[in-house]
Amino acid sequence: MSLQSHLTELERRHEALDRELAETMACPSSGDDEIAALKRRKLLLKDEIARLKSGERSVH
């Protein structure tokens, strides 16, 4: 898998988590732990995307 396709997949997963988080937060029965876990996963993906993009820039 090329770096660009990997970044595209990570960004797609980040957007999916964003939608899932919004849906979860809109549901009154959602627990704080569930919301926090989704936020952590989203942040980890964001950090990975940023790390890969910064490494990509230093290569060019």
PDB file of N, CA and C in Angstrom:
ATOM      1  N   MET A   1       0.853  -1.176   0.000  1.00  0.00           N
ATOM      2  CA  MET A   1       0.000   0.000   0.000  1.00  0.00           C
ATOM      3  C   MET A   1       0.897   1.236   0.000  1.00  0.00           C
ATOM      4  N   SER A   2       0.605   2.152  -0.913  1.00  0.00           N
ATOM      5  CA  SER A   2       1.396   3.371  -0.979  1.00  0.00           C
ATOM      6  C   SER A   2       1.060   4.282   0.201  1.00  0.00           C
ATOM      7  N   LEU A   3       1.959   5.202   0.460  1.00  0.00           N
ATOM      8  CA  LEU A   3       1.751   6.146   1.559  1.00  0.00           C
ATOM      9  C   LEU A   3       0.470   6.948   1.337  1.00  0.00           C
ATOM     10  N   GLN A   4       0.245   7.380   0.096  1.00  0.00           N
ATOM     11  CA  GLN A   4      -0.942   8.191  -0.183  1.00  0.00           C
ATOM     12  C   GLN A   4      -2.219   7.389   0.040  1.00  0.00           C
ATOM     13  N   SER A   5      -2.251   6.144  -0.381  1.00  0.00           N
ATOM     14  CA  SER A   5      -3.464   5.350  -0.177  1.00  0.00           C
ATOM     15  C   SER A   5      -3.661   5.038   1.305  1.00  0.00           C
ATOM     16  N   HIS A   6      -2.559   4.868   2.034  1.00  0.00           N
ATOM     17  CA  HIS A   6      -2.658   4.651   3.485  1.00  0.00           C
ATOM     18  C   HIS A   6      -3.223   5.898   4.171  1.00  0.00           C
ATOM     19  N   LEU A   7      -2.743   7.069   3.776  1.00  0.00           N
ATOM     20  CA  LEU A   7      -3.266   8.326   4.325  1.00  0.00           C
ATOM     21  C   LEU A   7      -4.750   8.492   3.999  1.00  0.00           C
ATOM     22  N   THR A   8      -5.126   8.152   2.784  1.00  0.00           N
ATOM     23  CA  THR A   8      -6.528   8.255   2.378  1.00  0.00           C
ATOM     24  C   THR A   8      -7.396   7.348   3.242  1.00  0.00           C
ATOM     25  N   GLU A   9      -6.933   6.140   3.492  1.00  0.00           N
ATOM     26  CA  GLU A   9      -7.683   5.205   4.333  1.00  0.00           C
ATOM     27  C   GLU A   9      -7.786   5.718   5.771  1.00  0.00           C
ATOM     28  N   LEU A  10      -6.698   6.246   6.313  1.00  0.00           N
ATOM     29  CA  LEU A  10      -6.735   6.799   7.670  1.00  0.00           C
ATOM     30  C   LEU A  10      -7.713   7.969   7.753  1.00  0.00           C
ATOM     31  N   GLU A  11      -7.698   8.827   6.748  1.00  0.00           N
ATOM     32  CA  GLU A  11      -8.611   9.967   6.734  1.00  0.00           C
ATOM     33  C   GLU A  11     -10.062   9.498   6.626  1.00  0.00           C
ATOM     34  N   ARG A  12     -10.315   8.449   5.845  1.00  0.00           N
ATOM     35  CA  ARG A  12     -11.662   7.896   5.731  1.00  0.00           C
ATOM     36  C   ARG A  12     -12.129   7.349   7.080  1.00  0.00           C
ATOM     37  N   ARG A  13     -11.239   6.633   7.772  1.00  0.00           N
ATOM     38  CA  ARG A  13     -11.585   6.097   9.084  1.00  0.00           C
ATOM     39  C   ARG A  13     -11.814   7.217  10.100  1.00  0.00           C
ATOM     40  N   HIS A  14     -11.030   8.293  10.011  1.00  0.00           N
ATOM     41  CA  HIS A  14     -11.193   9.440  10.904  1.00  0.00           C
ATOM     42  C   HIS A  14     -12.564  10.078  10.701  1.00  0.00           C
ATOM     43  N   GLU A  15     -12.976  10.238   9.451  1.00  0.00           N
ATOM     44  CA  GLU A  15     -14.295  10.807   9.156  1.00  0.00           C
ATOM     45  C   GLU A  15     -15.412   9.897   9.653  1.00  0.00           C
ATOM     46  N   ALA A  16     -15.234   8.589   9.504  1.00  0.00           N
ATOM     47  CA  ALA A  16     -16.240   7.638   9.982  1.00  0.00           C
ATOM     48  C   ALA A  16     -16.364   7.717  11.502  1.00  0.00           C
ATOM     49  N   LEU A  17     -15.230   7.830  12.185  1.00  0.00           N
ATOM     50  CA  LEU A  17     -15.264   7.979  13.639  1.00  0.00           C
ATOM     51  C   LEU A  17     -15.934   9.283  14.043  1.00  0.00           C
ATOM     52  N   ASP A  18     -15.712  10.331  13.277  1.00  0.00           N
ATOM     53  CA  ASP A  18     -16.347  11.621  13.553  1.00  0.00           C
ATOM     54  C   ASP A  18     -17.868  11.483  13.486  1.00  0.00           C
ATOM     55  N   ARG A  19     -18.359  10.786  12.452  1.00  0.00           N
ATOM     56  CA  ARG A  19     -19.805  10.566  12.328  1.00  0.00           C
ATOM     57  C   ARG A  19     -20.315   9.694  13.472  1.00  0.00           C
ATOM     58  N   GLU A  20     -19.577   8.636  13.795  1.00  0.00           N
ATOM     59  CA  GLU A  20     -19.986   7.745  14.885  1.00  0.00           C
ATOM     60  C   GLU A  20     -20.028   8.496  16.212  1.00  0.00           C
ATOM     61  N   LEU A  21     -19.055   9.352  16.439  1.00  0.00           N
ATOM     62  CA  LEU A  21     -19.007  10.141  17.662  1.00  0.00           C
ATOM     63  C   LEU A  21     -20.206  11.088  17.748  1.00  0.00           C
ATOM     64  N   ALA A  22     -20.526  11.742  16.641  1.00  0.00           N
ATOM     65  CA  ALA A  22     -21.674  12.662  16.624  1.00  0.00           C
ATOM     66  C   ALA A  22     -22.967  11.907  16.931  1.00  0.00           C
ATOM     67  N   GLU A  23     -23.120  10.727  16.327  1.00  0.00           N
ATOM     68  CA  GLU A  23     -24.315   9.922  16.581  1.00  0.00           C
ATOM     69  C   GLU A  23     -24.377   9.472  18.035  1.00  0.00           C
ATOM     70  N   THR A  24     -23.241   9.072  18.573  1.00  0.00           N
ATOM     71  CA  THR A  24     -23.186   8.593  19.948  1.00  0.00           C
ATOM     72  C   THR A  24     -23.502   9.727  20.923  1.00  0.00           C
ATOM     73  N   MET A  25     -22.965  10.902  20.669  1.00  0.00           N
ATOM     74  CA  MET A  25     -23.205  12.036  21.553  1.00  0.00           C
ATOM     75  C   MET A  25     -24.664  12.496  21.490  1.00  0.00           C
ATOM     76  N   ALA A  26     -25.330  12.250  20.354  1.00  0.00           N
ATOM     77  CA  ALA A  26     -26.728  12.653  20.213  1.00  0.00           C
ATOM     78  C   ALA A  26     -27.673  11.691  20.934  1.00  0.00           C
ATOM     79  N   CYS A  27     -27.177  10.526  21.259  1.00  0.00           N
ATOM     80  CA  CYS A  27     -28.002   9.517  21.928  1.00  0.00           C
ATOM     81  C   CYS A  27     -27.922   9.710  23.443  1.00  0.00           C
ATOM     82  N   PRO A  28     -29.060   9.990  24.086  1.00  0.00           N
ATOM     83  CA  PRO A  28     -29.039  10.269  25.530  1.00  0.00           C
ATOM     84  C   PRO A  28     -28.538   9.096  26.385  1.00  0.00           C
ATOM     85  N   SER A  29     -28.649   7.883  25.869  1.00  0.00           N
ATOM     86  CA  SER A  29     -28.232   6.724  26.665  1.00  0.00           C
ATOM     87  C   SER A  29     -26.736   6.430  26.546  1.00  0.00           C
ATOM     88  N   SER A  30     -26.011   7.218  25.768  1.00  0.00           N
ATOM     89  CA  SER A  30     -24.573   6.995  25.598  1.00  0.00           C
ATOM     90  C   SER A  30     -23.824   7.322  26.880  1.00  0.00           C
ATOM     91  N   GLY A  31     -22.879   6.480  27.191  1.00  0.00           N
ATOM     92  CA  GLY A  31     -22.084   6.699  28.388  1.00  0.00           C
ATOM     93  C   GLY A  31     -20.852   7.544  28.103  1.00  0.00           C
ATOM     94  N   ASP A  32     -20.372   8.197  29.148  1.00  0.00           N
ATOM     95  CA  ASP A  32     -19.169   9.021  29.021  1.00  0.00           C
ATOM     96  C   ASP A  32     -17.960   8.193  28.607  1.00  0.00           C
ATOM     97  N   ASP A  33     -17.883   6.958  29.081  1.00  0.00           N
ATOM     98  CA  ASP A  33     -16.751   6.096  28.735  1.00  0.00           C
ATOM     99  C   ASP A  33     -16.735   5.788  27.241  1.00  0.00           C
ATOM    100  N   GLU A  34     -17.902   5.529  26.683  1.00  0.00           N
ATOM    101  CA  GLU A  34     -18.005   5.232  25.252  1.00  0.00           C
ATOM    102  C   GLU A  34     -17.588   6.444  24.423  1.00  0.00           C
ATOM    103  N   ILE A  35     -18.050   7.611  24.816  1.00  0.00           N
ATOM    104  CA  ILE A  35     -17.704   8.852  24.105  1.00  0.00           C
ATOM    105  C   ILE A  35     -16.211   9.121  24.221  1.00  0.00           C
ATOM    106  N   ALA A  36     -15.651   8.951  25.406  1.00  0.00           N
ATOM    107  CA  ALA A  36     -14.220   9.181  25.613  1.00  0.00           C
ATOM    108  C   ALA A  36     -13.388   8.221  24.767  1.00  0.00           C
ATOM    109  N   ALA A  37     -13.811   6.965  24.669  1.00  0.00           N
ATOM    110  CA  ALA A  37     -13.078   5.980  23.871  1.00  0.00           C
ATOM    111  C   ALA A  37     -13.083   6.367  22.391  1.00  0.00           C
ATOM    112  N   LEU A  38     -14.222   6.815  21.894  1.00  0.00           N
ATOM    113  CA  LEU A  38     -14.299   7.250  20.499  1.00  0.00           C
ATOM    114  C   LEU A  38     -13.409   8.464  20.254  1.00  0.00           C
ATOM    115  N   LYS A  39     -13.413   9.400  21.196  1.00  0.00           N
ATOM    116  CA  LYS A  39     -12.563  10.593  21.059  1.00  0.00           C
ATOM    117  C   LYS A  39     -11.082  10.214  21.054  1.00  0.00           C
ATOM    118  N   ARG A  40     -10.704   9.255  21.912  1.00  0.00           N
ATOM    119  CA  ARG A  40      -9.303   8.801  21.936  1.00  0.00           C
ATOM    120  C   ARG A  40      -8.911   8.164  20.611  1.00  0.00           C
ATOM    121  N   ARG A  41      -9.780   7.295  20.078  1.00  0.00           N
ATOM    122  CA  ARG A  41      -9.489   6.645  18.798  1.00  0.00           C
ATOM    123  C   ARG A  41      -9.359   7.673  17.681  1.00  0.00           C
ATOM    124  N   LYS A  42     -10.236   8.661  17.695  1.00  0.00           N
ATOM    125  CA  LYS A  42     -10.199   9.711  16.679  1.00  0.00           C
ATOM    126  C   LYS A  42      -8.904  10.521  16.785  1.00  0.00           C
ATOM    127  N   LEU A  43      -8.507  10.846  18.007  1.00  0.00           N
ATOM    128  CA  LEU A  43      -7.277  11.601  18.219  1.00  0.00           C
ATOM    129  C   LEU A  43      -6.045  10.805  17.785  1.00  0.00           C
ATOM    130  N   LEU A  44      -6.032   9.506  18.070  1.00  0.00           N
ATOM    131  CA  LEU A  44      -4.906   8.669  17.646  1.00  0.00           C
ATOM    132  C   LEU A  44      -4.784   8.648  16.120  1.00  0.00           C
ATOM    133  N   LEU A  45      -5.921   8.549  15.441  1.00  0.00           N
ATOM    134  CA  LEU A  45      -5.890   8.583  13.979  1.00  0.00           C
ATOM    135  C   LEU A  45      -5.393   9.930  13.476  1.00  0.00           C
ATOM    136  N   LYS A  46      -5.870  11.003  14.090  1.00  0.00           N
ATOM    137  CA  LYS A  46      -5.441  12.346  13.687  1.00  0.00           C
ATOM    138  C   LYS A  46      -3.934  12.506  13.870  1.00  0.00           C
ATOM    139  N   ASP A  47      -3.415  12.027  14.996  1.00  0.00           N
ATOM    140  CA  ASP A  47      -1.978  12.105  15.252  1.00  0.00           C
ATOM    141  C   ASP A  47      -1.185  11.291  14.235  1.00  0.00           C
ATOM    142  N   GLU A  48      -1.681  10.099  13.894  1.00  0.00           N
ATOM    143  CA  GLU A  48      -1.008   9.251  12.911  1.00  0.00           C
ATOM    144  C   GLU A  48      -1.003   9.913  11.534  1.00  0.00           C
ATOM    145  N   ILE A  49      -2.129  10.512  11.153  1.00  0.00           N
ATOM    146  CA  ILE A  49      -2.207  11.222   9.879  1.00  0.00           C
ATOM    147  C   ILE A  49      -1.203  12.373   9.850  1.00  0.00           C
ATOM    148  N   ALA A  50      -1.160  13.153  10.915  1.00  0.00           N
ATOM    149  CA  ALA A  50      -0.236  14.287  10.984  1.00  0.00           C
ATOM    150  C   ALA A  50       1.218  13.817  10.937  1.00  0.00           C
ATOM    151  N   ARG A  51       1.523  12.723  11.640  1.00  0.00           N
ATOM    152  CA  ARG A  51       2.887  12.190  11.653  1.00  0.00           C
ATOM    153  C   ARG A  51       3.304  11.745  10.250  1.00  0.00           C
ATOM    154  N   LEU A  52       2.415  11.046   9.573  1.00  0.00           N
ATOM    155  CA  LEU A  52       2.735  10.578   8.226  1.00  0.00           C
ATOM    156  C   LEU A  52       2.871  11.737   7.247  1.00  0.00           C
ATOM    157  N   LYS A  53       2.001  12.734   7.385  1.00  0.00           N
ATOM    158  CA  LYS A  53       2.089  13.888   6.489  1.00  0.00           C
ATOM    159  C   LYS A  53       3.357  14.685   6.728  1.00  0.00           C
ATOM    160  N   SER A  54       3.773  14.821   7.976  1.00  0.00           N
ATOM    161  CA  SER A  54       5.008  15.575   8.246  1.00  0.00           C
ATOM    162  C   SER A  54       6.215  14.800   7.737  1.00  0.00           C
ATOM    163  N   GLY A  55       6.192  13.495   7.815  1.00  0.00           N
ATOM    164  CA  GLY A  55       7.274  12.672   7.288  1.00  0.00           C
ATOM    165  C   GLY A  55       7.304  12.713   5.776  1.00  0.00           C
ATOM    166  N   GLU A  56       6.119  12.792   5.168  1.00  0.00           N
ATOM    167  CA  GLU A  56       6.014  12.872   3.716  1.00  0.00           C
ATOM    168  C   GLU A  56       6.620  14.163   3.213  1.00  0.00           C
ATOM    169  N   ARG A  57       6.381  15.265   3.919  1.00  0.00           N
ATOM    170  CA  ARG A  57       6.932  16.570   3.510  1.00  0.00           C
ATOM    171  C   ARG A  57       8.453  16.590   3.621  1.00  0.00           C
ATOM    172  N   SER A  58       8.996  15.928   4.639  1.00  0.00           N
ATOM    173  CA  SER A  58      10.451  15.966   4.816  1.00  0.00           C
ATOM    174  C   SER A  58      11.171  15.119   3.776  1.00  0.00           C
ATOM    175  N   VAL A  59      10.463  14.187   3.137  1.00  0.00           N
ATOM    176  CA  VAL A  59      11.060  13.334   2.120  1.00  0.00           C
ATOM    177  C   VAL A  59      11.182  14.089   0.804  1.00  0.00           C
ATOM    178  N   HIS A  60      10.221  14.978   0.514  1.00  0.00           N
ATOM    179  CA  HIS A  60      10.212  15.701  -0.770  1.00  0.00           C
ATOM    180  C   HIS A  60      11.200  16.804  -0.799  1.00  0.00           C
TER     181      HIS A  60
END
